[in-house]
PDB file of N, CA and C in Angstrom:
ATOM      1  N   UNK A   1     -49.312 -66.907  28.972  1.00  0.00           N
ATOM      2  CA  UNK A   1     -49.413 -65.790  30.198  1.00  0.00           C
ATOM      3  C   UNK A   1     -49.471 -64.467  29.027  1.00  0.00           C
ATOM      4  N   UNK A   2     -50.026 -63.516  29.610  1.00  0.00           N
ATOM      5  CA  UNK A   2     -50.153 -62.285  28.292  1.00  0.00           C
ATOM      6  C   UNK A   2     -49.076 -61.278  29.012  1.00  0.00           C
ATOM      7  N   UNK A   3     -48.604 -60.053  28.076  1.00  0.00           N
ATOM      8  CA  UNK A   3     -47.684 -59.255  28.515  1.00  0.00           C
ATOM      9  C   UNK A   3     -48.254 -57.813  28.076  1.00  0.00           C
ATOM     10  N   UNK A   4     -48.064 -56.962  29.197  1.00  0.00           N
ATOM     11  CA  UNK A   4     -48.073 -55.443  29.047  1.00  0.00           C
ATOM     12  C   UNK A   4     -47.798 -54.629  27.992  1.00  0.00           C
ATOM     13  N   UNK A   5     -49.019 -54.033  27.687  1.00  0.00           N
ATOM     14  CA  UNK A   5     -48.341 -53.695  26.212  1.00  0.00           C
ATOM     15  C   UNK A   5     -47.533 -51.999  26.841  1.00  0.00           C
ATOM     16  N   UNK A   6     -47.208 -51.566  27.721  1.00  0.00           N
ATOM     17  CA  UNK A   6     -46.547 -50.557  27.658  1.00  0.00           C
ATOM     18  C   UNK A   6     -45.064 -51.621  28.378  1.00  0.00           C
ATOM     19  N   UNK A   7     -44.492 -51.988  29.302  1.00  0.00           N
ATOM     20  CA  UNK A   7     -43.295 -52.678  29.598  1.00  0.00           C
ATOM     21  C   UNK A   7     -42.954 -54.099  29.044  1.00  0.00           C
ATOM     22  N   UNK A   8     -43.915 -54.299  28.356  1.00  0.00           N
ATOM     23  CA  UNK A   8     -43.842 -55.826  27.482  1.00  0.00           C
ATOM     24  C   UNK A   8     -43.674 -57.098  28.699  1.00  0.00           C
ATOM     25  N   UNK A   9     -44.026 -56.688  29.952  1.00  0.00           N
ATOM     26  CA  UNK A   9     -43.663 -57.723  30.779  1.00  0.00           C
ATOM     27  C   UNK A   9     -44.839 -58.660  31.308  1.00  0.00           C
ATOM     28  N   UNK A  10     -44.809 -59.834  31.870  1.00  0.00           N
ATOM     29  CA  UNK A  10     -45.778 -60.759  31.955  1.00  0.00           C
ATOM     30  C   UNK A  10     -46.996 -59.998  32.939  1.00  0.00           C
ATOM     31  N   UNK A  11     -48.197 -60.082  32.949  1.00  0.00           N
ATOM     32  CA  UNK A  11     -48.943 -59.341  33.992  1.00  0.00           C
ATOM     33  C   UNK A  11     -49.965 -60.461  34.323  1.00  0.00           C
ATOM     34  N   UNK A  12     -49.530 -60.259  35.900  1.00  0.00           N
ATOM     35  CA  UNK A  12     -50.568 -61.075  36.497  1.00  0.00           C
ATOM     36  C   UNK A  12     -52.289 -60.362  37.029  1.00  0.00           C
ATOM     37  N   UNK A  13     -53.335 -61.343  37.205  1.00  0.00           N
ATOM     38  CA  UNK A  13     -54.396 -60.476  37.036  1.00  0.00           C
ATOM     39  C   UNK A  13     -54.678 -59.683  38.315  1.00  0.00           C
ATOM     40  N   UNK A  14     -53.931 -59.917  39.085  1.00  0.00           N
ATOM     41  CA  UNK A  14     -53.899 -58.902  40.699  1.00  0.00           C
ATOM     42  C   UNK A  14     -53.197 -57.560  40.497  1.00  0.00           C
ATOM     43  N   UNK A  15     -52.744 -57.476  38.844  1.00  0.00           N
ATOM     44  CA  UNK A  15     -51.879 -56.258  38.896  1.00  0.00           C
ATOM     45  C   UNK A  15     -51.900 -55.699  37.327  1.00  0.00           C
ATOM     46  N   UNK A  16     -53.458 -56.047  36.916  1.00  0.00           N
ATOM     47  CA  UNK A  16     -53.677 -55.849  35.453  1.00  0.00           C
ATOM     48  C   UNK A  16     -55.162 -54.617  36.189  1.00  0.00           C
ATOM     49  N   UNK A  17     -54.465 -53.153  35.271  1.00  0.00           N
ATOM     50  CA  UNK A  17     -55.320 -52.408  34.987  1.00  0.00           C
ATOM     51  C   UNK A  17     -56.416 -52.514  34.254  1.00  0.00           C
ATOM     52  N   UNK A  18     -56.573 -53.626  33.759  1.00  0.00           N
ATOM     53  CA  UNK A  18     -57.829 -53.858  32.622  1.00  0.00           C
ATOM     54  C   UNK A  18     -59.115 -54.714  33.756  1.00  0.00           C
ATOM     55  N   UNK A  19     -59.015 -55.508  34.599  1.00  0.00           N
ATOM     56  CA  UNK A  19     -59.680 -56.317  35.590  1.00  0.00           C
ATOM     57  C   UNK A  19     -59.768 -55.399  36.644  1.00  0.00           C
ATOM     58  N   UNK A  20     -58.912 -54.022  37.006  1.00  0.00           N
ATOM     59  CA  UNK A  20     -58.947 -53.130  38.165  1.00  0.00           C
ATOM     60  C   UNK A  20     -60.618 -52.255  37.438  1.00  0.00           C
ATOM     61  N   UNK A  21     -60.083 -51.749  36.409  1.00  0.00           N
ATOM     62  CA  UNK A  21     -61.634 -51.086  35.753  1.00  0.00           C
ATOM     63  C   UNK A  21     -62.572 -51.714  35.470  1.00  0.00           C
ATOM     64  N   UNK A  22     -62.462 -52.971  35.551  1.00  0.00           N
ATOM     65  CA  UNK A  22     -63.870 -53.450  35.338  1.00  0.00           C
ATOM     66  C   UNK A  22     -64.767 -53.410  36.776  1.00  0.00           C
ATOM     67  N   UNK A  23     -63.744 -53.722  37.858  1.00  0.00           N
ATOM     68  CA  UNK A  23     -64.270 -53.560  39.055  1.00  0.00           C
ATOM     69  C   UNK A  23     -64.827 -52.229  39.432  1.00  0.00           C
ATOM     70  N   UNK A  24     -63.901 -51.522  38.892  1.00  0.00           N
ATOM     71  CA  UNK A  24     -64.463 -50.047  39.561  1.00  0.00           C
ATOM     72  C   UNK A  24     -65.812 -49.722  38.520  1.00  0.00           C
ATOM     73  N   UNK A  25     -65.776 -49.979  37.227  1.00  0.00           N
ATOM     74  CA  UNK A  25     -66.994 -49.415  36.734  1.00  0.00           C
ATOM     75  C   UNK A  25     -68.239 -50.434  36.897  1.00  0.00           C
ATOM     76  N   UNK A  26     -67.355 -51.448  36.785  1.00  0.00           N
ATOM     77  CA  UNK A  26     -69.067 -52.753  36.847  1.00  0.00           C
ATOM     78  C   UNK A  26     -69.350 -53.307  35.806  1.00  0.00           C
ATOM     79  N   UNK A  27     -68.324 -53.044  34.993  1.00  0.00           N
ATOM     80  CA  UNK A  27     -68.317 -53.501  33.028  1.00  0.00           C
ATOM     81  C   UNK A  27     -67.193 -54.261  32.858  1.00  0.00           C
ATOM     82  N   UNK A  28     -67.931 -55.578  32.872  1.00  0.00           N
ATOM     83  CA  UNK A  28     -66.534 -56.608  32.897  1.00  0.00           C
ATOM     84  C   UNK A  28     -66.382 -57.100  31.256  1.00  0.00           C
ATOM     85  N   UNK A  29     -67.165 -56.150  30.480  1.00  0.00           N
ATOM     86  CA  UNK A  29     -66.394 -56.024  28.772  1.00  0.00           C
ATOM     87  C   UNK A  29     -65.348 -55.846  28.824  1.00  0.00           C
ATOM     88  N   UNK A  30     -65.150 -54.581  29.458  1.00  0.00           N
ATOM     89  CA  UNK A  30     -63.904 -53.846  29.352  1.00  0.00           C
ATOM     90  C   UNK A  30     -62.311 -55.345  29.014  1.00  0.00           C
ATOM     91  N   UNK A  31     -62.702 -56.173  29.788  1.00  0.00           N
ATOM     92  CA  UNK A  31     -61.622 -57.293  29.797  1.00  0.00           C
ATOM     93  C   UNK A  31     -61.561 -57.883  28.361  1.00  0.00           C
ATOM     94  N   UNK A  32     -62.762 -58.142  28.262  1.00  0.00           N
ATOM     95  CA  UNK A  32     -62.601 -58.589  26.478  1.00  0.00           C
ATOM     96  C   UNK A  32     -61.770 -57.355  25.535  1.00  0.00           C
ATOM     97  N   UNK A  33     -62.560 -56.382  25.328  1.00  0.00           N
ATOM     98  CA  UNK A  33     -61.589 -55.152  24.680  1.00  0.00           C
ATOM     99  C   UNK A  33     -60.575 -54.555  24.895  1.00  0.00           C
ATOM    100  N   UNK A  34     -59.813 -54.784  25.670  1.00  0.00           N
ATOM    101  CA  UNK A  34     -58.457 -54.344  25.728  1.00  0.00           C
ATOM    102  C   UNK A  34     -57.475 -55.183  26.407  1.00  0.00           C
ATOM    103  N   UNK A  35     -56.063 -54.926  25.765  1.00  0.00           N
ATOM    104  CA  UNK A  35     -55.268 -56.067  26.067  1.00  0.00           C
ATOM    105  C   UNK A  35     -54.917 -55.551  27.640  1.00  0.00           C
ATOM    106  N   UNK A  36     -53.976 -56.453  28.215  1.00  0.00           N
ATOM    107  CA  UNK A  36     -53.433 -56.359  29.577  1.00  0.00           C
ATOM    108  C   UNK A  36     -52.300 -55.223  29.788  1.00  0.00           C
ATOM    109  N   UNK A  37     -52.356 -54.661  31.134  1.00  0.00           N
ATOM    110  CA  UNK A  37     -51.429 -53.449  31.027  1.00  0.00           C
ATOM    111  C   UNK A  37     -51.569 -53.158  32.913  1.00  0.00           C
ATOM    112  N   UNK A  38     -50.536 -53.528  33.439  1.00  0.00           N
ATOM    113  CA  UNK A  38     -49.669 -53.242  34.474  1.00  0.00           C
ATOM    114  C   UNK A  38     -50.631 -51.952  35.240  1.00  0.00           C
ATOM    115  N   UNK A  39     -51.381 -51.905  36.301  1.00  0.00           N
ATOM    116  CA  UNK A  39     -51.659 -51.023  37.281  1.00  0.00           C
ATOM    117  C   UNK A  39     -50.978 -49.738  37.103  1.00  0.00           C
ATOM    118  N   UNK A  40     -49.361 -50.153  37.621  1.00  0.00           N
ATOM    119  CA  UNK A  40     -48.214 -49.340  37.633  1.00  0.00           C
ATOM    120  C   UNK A  40     -47.930 -48.682  36.218  1.00  0.00           C
ATOM    121  N   UNK A  41     -48.389 -48.598  34.959  1.00  0.00           N
ATOM    122  CA  UNK A  41     -47.728 -48.341  33.866  1.00  0.00           C
ATOM    123  C   UNK A  41     -48.869 -47.998  33.539  1.00  0.00           C
ATOM    124  N   UNK A  42     -50.171 -47.571  34.477  1.00  0.00           N
ATOM    125  CA  UNK A  42     -51.173 -46.658  33.767  1.00  0.00           C
ATOM    126  C   UNK A  42     -50.995 -45.679  34.876  1.00  0.00           C
ATOM    127  N   UNK A  43     -50.450 -44.668  34.306  1.00  0.00           N
ATOM    128  CA  UNK A  43     -50.080 -43.454  36.045  1.00  0.00           C
ATOM    129  C   UNK A  43     -52.098 -42.890  35.924  1.00  0.00           C
ATOM    130  N   UNK A  44     -52.738 -42.749  34.991  1.00  0.00           N
ATOM    131  CA  UNK A  44     -54.283 -42.417  34.679  1.00  0.00           C
ATOM    132  C   UNK A  44     -55.013 -43.020  35.753  1.00  0.00           C
ATOM    133  N   UNK A  45     -54.598 -44.311  36.301  1.00  0.00           N
ATOM    134  CA  UNK A  45     -55.451 -44.690  37.056  1.00  0.00           C
ATOM    135  C   UNK A  45     -54.891 -45.226  38.854  1.00  0.00           C
ATOM    136  N   UNK A  46     -53.485 -45.543  38.177  1.00  0.00           N
ATOM    137  CA  UNK A  46     -52.700 -45.779  39.746  1.00  0.00           C
ATOM    138  C   UNK A  46     -52.390 -44.661  40.249  1.00  0.00           C
ATOM    139  N   UNK A  47     -52.778 -43.154  39.843  1.00  0.00           N
ATOM    140  CA  UNK A  47     -52.017 -41.995  40.869  1.00  0.00           C
ATOM    141  C   UNK A  47     -53.535 -42.576  41.894  1.00  0.00           C
ATOM    142  N   UNK A  48     -54.557 -42.568  41.594  1.00  0.00           N
ATOM    143  CA  UNK A  48     -55.538 -42.890  42.521  1.00  0.00           C
ATOM    144  C   UNK A  48     -55.689 -43.792  43.812  1.00  0.00           C
ATOM    145  N   UNK A  49     -54.773 -44.881  43.587  1.00  0.00           N
ATOM    146  CA  UNK A  49     -55.060 -46.169  44.619  1.00  0.00           C
ATOM    147  C   UNK A  49     -53.471 -45.788  45.369  1.00  0.00           C
ATOM    148  N   UNK A  50     -54.183 -45.494  47.002  1.00  0.00           N
ATOM    149  CA  UNK A  50     -53.144 -44.841  47.846  1.00  0.00           C
ATOM    150  C   UNK A  50     -53.446 -45.909  49.171  1.00  0.00           C
ATOM    151  N   UNK A  51     -52.692 -47.031  48.719  1.00  0.00           N
ATOM    152  CA  UNK A  51     -52.382 -48.282  49.860  1.00  0.00           C
ATOM    153  C   UNK A  51     -51.169 -48.581  50.154  1.00  0.00           C
ATOM    154  N   UNK A  52     -50.702 -48.930  51.231  1.00  0.00           N
ATOM    155  CA  UNK A  52     -49.574 -49.328  51.363  1.00  0.00           C
ATOM    156  C   UNK A  52     -48.938 -50.528  51.240  1.00  0.00           C
ATOM    157  N   UNK A  53     -49.728 -51.100  50.764  1.00  0.00           N
ATOM    158  CA  UNK A  53     -49.465 -52.459  49.966  1.00  0.00           C
ATOM    159  C   UNK A  53     -49.026 -52.659  48.378  1.00  0.00           C
ATOM    160  N   UNK A  54     -49.454 -51.698  48.096  1.00  0.00           N
ATOM    161  CA  UNK A  54     -49.077 -51.271  46.381  1.00  0.00           C
ATOM    162  C   UNK A  54     -47.728 -50.279  46.253  1.00  0.00           C
ATOM    163  N   UNK A  55     -46.872 -51.489  45.689  1.00  0.00           N
ATOM    164  CA  UNK A  55     -45.841 -50.548  45.436  1.00  0.00           C
ATOM    165  C   UNK A  55     -45.843 -49.630  44.247  1.00  0.00           C
ATOM    166  N   UNK A  56     -45.343 -48.284  44.624  1.00  0.00           N
ATOM    167  CA  UNK A  56     -45.474 -47.419  43.876  1.00  0.00           C
ATOM    168  C   UNK A  56     -44.362 -46.500  43.223  1.00  0.00           C
ATOM    169  N   UNK A  57     -44.591 -46.107  41.865  1.00  0.00           N
ATOM    170  CA  UNK A  57     -42.911 -45.263  41.531  1.00  0.00           C
ATOM    171  C   UNK A  57     -43.612 -43.906  41.956  1.00  0.00           C
ATOM    172  N   UNK A  58     -43.216 -42.760  41.593  1.00  0.00           N
ATOM    173  CA  UNK A  58     -43.020 -41.450  41.754  1.00  0.00           C
ATOM    174  C   UNK A  58     -44.424 -41.108  41.415  1.00  0.00           C
ATOM    175  N   UNK A  59     -45.207 -40.894  42.340  1.00  0.00           N
ATOM    176  CA  UNK A  59     -46.594 -40.107  41.059  1.00  0.00           C
ATOM    177  C   UNK A  59     -46.374 -38.307  41.834  1.00  0.00           C
ATOM    178  N   UNK A  60     -46.617 -37.244  41.023  1.00  0.00           N
ATOM    179  CA  UNK A  60     -46.819 -36.139  41.391  1.00  0.00           C
ATOM    180  C   UNK A  60     -47.723 -35.662  42.048  1.00  0.00           C
ATOM    181  N   UNK A  61     -48.051 -34.947  42.900  1.00  0.00           N
ATOM    182  CA  UNK A  61     -49.072 -34.231  44.023  1.00  0.00           C
ATOM    183  C   UNK A  61     -50.507 -33.998  42.730  1.00  0.00           C
ATOM    184  N   UNK A  62     -51.408 -34.178  43.516  1.00  0.00           N
ATOM    185  CA  UNK A  62     -52.645 -33.819  42.807  1.00  0.00           C
ATOM    186  C   UNK A  62     -52.290 -32.199  42.438  1.00  0.00           C
ATOM    187  N   UNK A  63     -53.083 -31.587  41.810  1.00  0.00           N
ATOM    188  CA  UNK A  63     -53.295 -29.888  41.736  1.00  0.00           C
ATOM    189  C   UNK A  63     -54.773 -29.671  41.977  1.00  0.00           C
ATOM    190  N   UNK A  64     -55.297 -29.237  42.800  1.00  0.00           N
ATOM    191  CA  UNK A  64     -56.745 -29.357  43.135  1.00  0.00           C
ATOM    192  C   UNK A  64     -56.803 -27.895  43.768  1.00  0.00           C
ATOM    193  N   UNK A  65     -58.011 -27.232  43.233  1.00  0.00           N
ATOM    194  CA  UNK A  65     -58.837 -26.301  44.447  1.00  0.00           C
ATOM    195  C   UNK A  65     -59.485 -27.137  45.059  1.00  0.00           C
ATOM    196  N   UNK A  66     -60.387 -26.489  46.001  1.00  0.00           N
ATOM    197  CA  UNK A  66     -61.084 -26.895  47.199  1.00  0.00           C
ATOM    198  C   UNK A  66     -62.420 -27.437  46.068  1.00  0.00           C
ATOM    199  N   UNK A  67     -62.654 -27.020  44.936  1.00  0.00           N
ATOM    200  CA  UNK A  67     -63.894 -27.719  44.375  1.00  0.00           C
ATOM    201  C   UNK A  67     -63.751 -29.553  43.938  1.00  0.00           C
ATOM    202  N   UNK A  68     -62.274 -29.449  43.227  1.00  0.00           N
ATOM    203  CA  UNK A  68     -62.407 -30.199  42.931  1.00  0.00           C
ATOM    204  C   UNK A  68     -61.317 -31.310  43.864  1.00  0.00           C
ATOM    205  N   UNK A  69     -61.033 -30.921  45.250  1.00  0.00           N
ATOM    206  CA  UNK A  69     -60.267 -31.679  46.232  1.00  0.00           C
ATOM    207  C   UNK A  69     -61.274 -32.806  46.521  1.00  0.00           C
ATOM    208  N   UNK A  70     -62.422 -32.539  46.234  1.00  0.00           N
ATOM    209  CA  UNK A  70     -63.807 -33.477  47.013  1.00  0.00           C
ATOM    210  C   UNK A  70     -63.817 -34.632  45.737  1.00  0.00           C
ATOM    211  N   UNK A  71     -63.598 -34.592  44.868  1.00  0.00           N
ATOM    212  CA  UNK A  71     -63.547 -35.209  43.843  1.00  0.00           C
ATOM    213  C   UNK A  71     -62.463 -36.544  43.633  1.00  0.00           C
ATOM    214  N   UNK A  72     -61.175 -35.352  43.483  1.00  0.00           N
ATOM    215  CA  UNK A  72     -60.038 -36.156  44.134  1.00  0.00           C
ATOM    216  C   UNK A  72     -60.309 -37.699  44.912  1.00  0.00           C
ATOM    217  N   UNK A  73     -60.578 -36.645  46.277  1.00  0.00           N
ATOM    218  CA  UNK A  73     -60.420 -37.466  47.530  1.00  0.00           C
ATOM    219  C   UNK A  73     -61.352 -38.962  47.098  1.00  0.00           C
ATOM    220  N   UNK A  74     -63.111 -38.995  46.391  1.00  0.00           N
ATOM    221  CA  UNK A  74     -63.674 -39.692  46.091  1.00  0.00           C
ATOM    222  C   UNK A  74     -62.913 -40.914  45.156  1.00  0.00           C
ATOM    223  N   UNK A  75     -62.200 -40.364  43.952  1.00  0.00           N
ATOM    224  CA  UNK A  75     -61.882 -41.373  43.263  1.00  0.00           C
ATOM    225  C   UNK A  75     -60.733 -42.145  44.071  1.00  0.00           C
ATOM    226  N   UNK A  76     -59.392 -41.360  44.893  1.00  0.00           N
ATOM    227  CA  UNK A  76     -59.033 -42.178  45.512  1.00  0.00           C
ATOM    228  C   UNK A  76     -59.694 -43.346  46.567  1.00  0.00           C
ATOM    229  N   UNK A  77     -60.493 -43.151  47.211  1.00  0.00           N
ATOM    230  CA  UNK A  77     -61.007 -44.024  48.193  1.00  0.00           C
ATOM    231  C   UNK A  77     -61.904 -45.079  47.229  1.00  0.00           C
ATOM    232  N   UNK A  78     -62.370 -44.785  45.703  1.00  0.00           N
ATOM    233  CA  UNK A  78     -63.258 -45.907  44.665  1.00  0.00           C
ATOM    234  C   UNK A  78     -62.115 -46.495  44.161  1.00  0.00           C
ATOM    235  N   UNK A  79     -61.100 -45.575  43.561  1.00  0.00           N
ATOM    236  CA  UNK A  79     -59.931 -46.573  42.957  1.00  0.00           C
ATOM    237  C   UNK A  79     -59.147 -47.943  44.156  1.00  0.00           C
ATOM    238  N   UNK A  80     -59.037 -46.918  45.151  1.00  0.00           N
ATOM    239  CA  UNK A  80     -58.039 -47.785  45.877  1.00  0.00           C
ATOM    240  C   UNK A  80     -59.141 -49.051  46.671  1.00  0.00           C
ATOM    241  N   UNK A  81     -60.356 -49.006  46.827  1.00  0.00           N
ATOM    242  CA  UNK A  81     -61.464 -50.030  47.383  1.00  0.00           C
ATOM    243  C   UNK A  81     -61.320 -51.051  45.976  1.00  0.00           C
ATOM    244  N   UNK A  82     -61.339 -50.439  44.913  1.00  0.00           N
ATOM    245  CA  UNK A  82     -61.086 -51.309  43.648  1.00  0.00           C
ATOM    246  C   UNK A  82     -60.062 -52.303  43.727  1.00  0.00           C
ATOM    247  N   UNK A  83     -58.980 -51.569  44.015  1.00  0.00           N
ATOM    248  CA  UNK A  83     -58.060 -52.553  44.046  1.00  0.00           C
ATOM    249  C   UNK A  83     -57.560 -53.126  44.993  1.00  0.00           C
ATOM    250  N   UNK A  84     -58.437 -53.069  46.313  1.00  0.00           N
ATOM    251  CA  UNK A  84     -58.600 -54.254  47.535  1.00  0.00           C
ATOM    252  C   UNK A  84     -59.186 -54.964  47.089  1.00  0.00           C
ATOM    253  N   UNK A  85     -60.172 -55.152  46.232  1.00  0.00           N
ATOM    254  CA  UNK A  85     -61.231 -55.846  45.852  1.00  0.00           C
ATOM    255  C   UNK A  85     -60.618 -57.162  45.048  1.00  0.00           C
ATOM    256  N   UNK A  86     -59.525 -56.281  44.094  1.00  0.00           N
ATOM    257  CA  UNK A  86     -59.078 -57.147  42.866  1.00  0.00           C
ATOM    258  C   UNK A  86     -58.321 -57.999  43.727  1.00  0.00           C
ATOM    259  N   UNK A  87     -57.448 -58.049  44.709  1.00  0.00           N
ATOM    260  CA  UNK A  87     -56.200 -58.483  45.415  1.00  0.00           C
ATOM    261  C   UNK A  87     -57.254 -59.934  45.914  1.00  0.00           C
ATOM    262  N   UNK A  88     -58.590 -59.442  46.347  1.00  0.00           N
ATOM    263  CA  UNK A  88     -59.101 -60.560  47.195  1.00  0.00           C
ATOM    264  C   UNK A  88     -59.882 -61.473  46.134  1.00  0.00           C
ATOM    265  N   UNK A  89     -60.713 -61.010  45.163  1.00  0.00           N
ATOM    266  CA  UNK A  89     -61.044 -61.561  43.945  1.00  0.00           C
ATOM    267  C   UNK A  89     -59.544 -62.686  43.555  1.00  0.00           C
ATOM    268  N   UNK A  90     -58.621 -62.307  43.260  1.00  0.00           N
ATOM    269  CA  UNK A  90     -57.536 -62.914  42.474  1.00  0.00           C
ATOM    270  C   UNK A  90     -56.868 -63.911  44.418  1.00  0.00           C
ATOM    271  N   UNK A  91     -57.298 -63.791  45.347  1.00  0.00           N
ATOM    272  CA  UNK A  91     -56.829 -65.232  46.219  1.00  0.00           C
ATOM    273  C   UNK A  91     -55.876 -64.654  46.659  1.00  0.00           C
ATOM    274  N   UNK A  92     -55.326 -63.158  46.880  1.00  0.00           N
ATOM    275  CA  UNK A  92     -54.786 -62.630  48.038  1.00  0.00           C
ATOM    276  C   UNK A  92     -55.865 -61.837  49.117  1.00  0.00           C
ATOM    277  N   UNK A  93     -56.069 -62.723  49.978  1.00  0.00           N
ATOM    278  CA  UNK A  93     -57.352 -62.020  50.944  1.00  0.00           C
ATOM    279  C   UNK A  93     -56.943 -61.807  52.259  1.00  0.00           C
ATOM    280  N   UNK A  94     -55.605 -61.497  52.498  1.00  0.00           N
ATOM    281  CA  UNK A  94     -54.890 -61.505  53.821  1.00  0.00           C
ATOM    282  C   UNK A  94     -55.106 -60.156  54.178  1.00  0.00           C
ATOM    283  N   UNK A  95     -54.956 -60.207  55.851  1.00  0.00           N
ATOM    284  CA  UNK A  95     -55.433 -58.819  56.565  1.00  0.00           C
ATOM    285  C   UNK A  95     -54.510 -57.631  55.724  1.00  0.00           C
ATOM    286  N   UNK A  96     -53.532 -57.609  54.987  1.00  0.00           N
ATOM    287  CA  UNK A  96     -53.165 -57.053  54.339  1.00  0.00           C
ATOM    288  C   UNK A  96     -53.449 -55.779  53.116  1.00  0.00           C
ATOM    289  N   UNK A  97     -54.587 -56.597  52.935  1.00  0.00           N
ATOM    290  CA  UNK A  97     -55.153 -55.943  51.841  1.00  0.00           C
ATOM    291  C   UNK A  97     -56.473 -55.563  52.209  1.00  0.00           C
ATOM    292  N   UNK A  98     -56.538 -54.557  53.345  1.00  0.00           N
ATOM    293  CA  UNK A  98     -57.547 -53.787  53.783  1.00  0.00           C
ATOM    294  C   UNK A  98     -57.241 -52.302  53.463  1.00  0.00           C
ATOM    295  N   UNK A  99     -58.589 -51.646  53.050  1.00  0.00           N
ATOM    296  CA  UNK A  99     -58.292 -50.252  53.060  1.00  0.00           C
ATOM    297  C   UNK A  99     -58.171 -49.606  54.714  1.00  0.00           C
ATOM    298  N   UNK A 100     -57.211 -48.819  54.405  1.00  0.00           N
ATOM    299  CA  UNK A 100     -56.335 -48.381  55.799  1.00  0.00           C
ATOM    300  C   UNK A 100     -57.211 -46.709  56.135  1.00  0.00           C
TER     301      UNK A 100
END
C-alpha cells in the first residue's frame, strides 16, 4: 500500500488525486510520474468536487466575478464527474455515486 505524501496515511485508488487527475485530463502517464495523494489533501482539486458522497473538510467559497463564475461552474462539473467516474472504475458503482 502506498501512502499520501501530505498526511502519510494509506491511499486507496478511489481516493487518490493522481488517478482522479488522469481521468480528468485523459493523460494516464500522470499516474507513473506522481506519487499518491488523497483527494482531500489536495485543496486545489478537492474544492471543485461537489458531491454529497464525498466527505469534505471546510472549503472556503470561490471568489469570482461574473466572468469567472462560468469557468468555476464548468470545473465543478468536470471534476465532480471525474470523481464519480473514479468511484465507478474502482468498483464502487452503487447508485450513491451518480451526479446530482
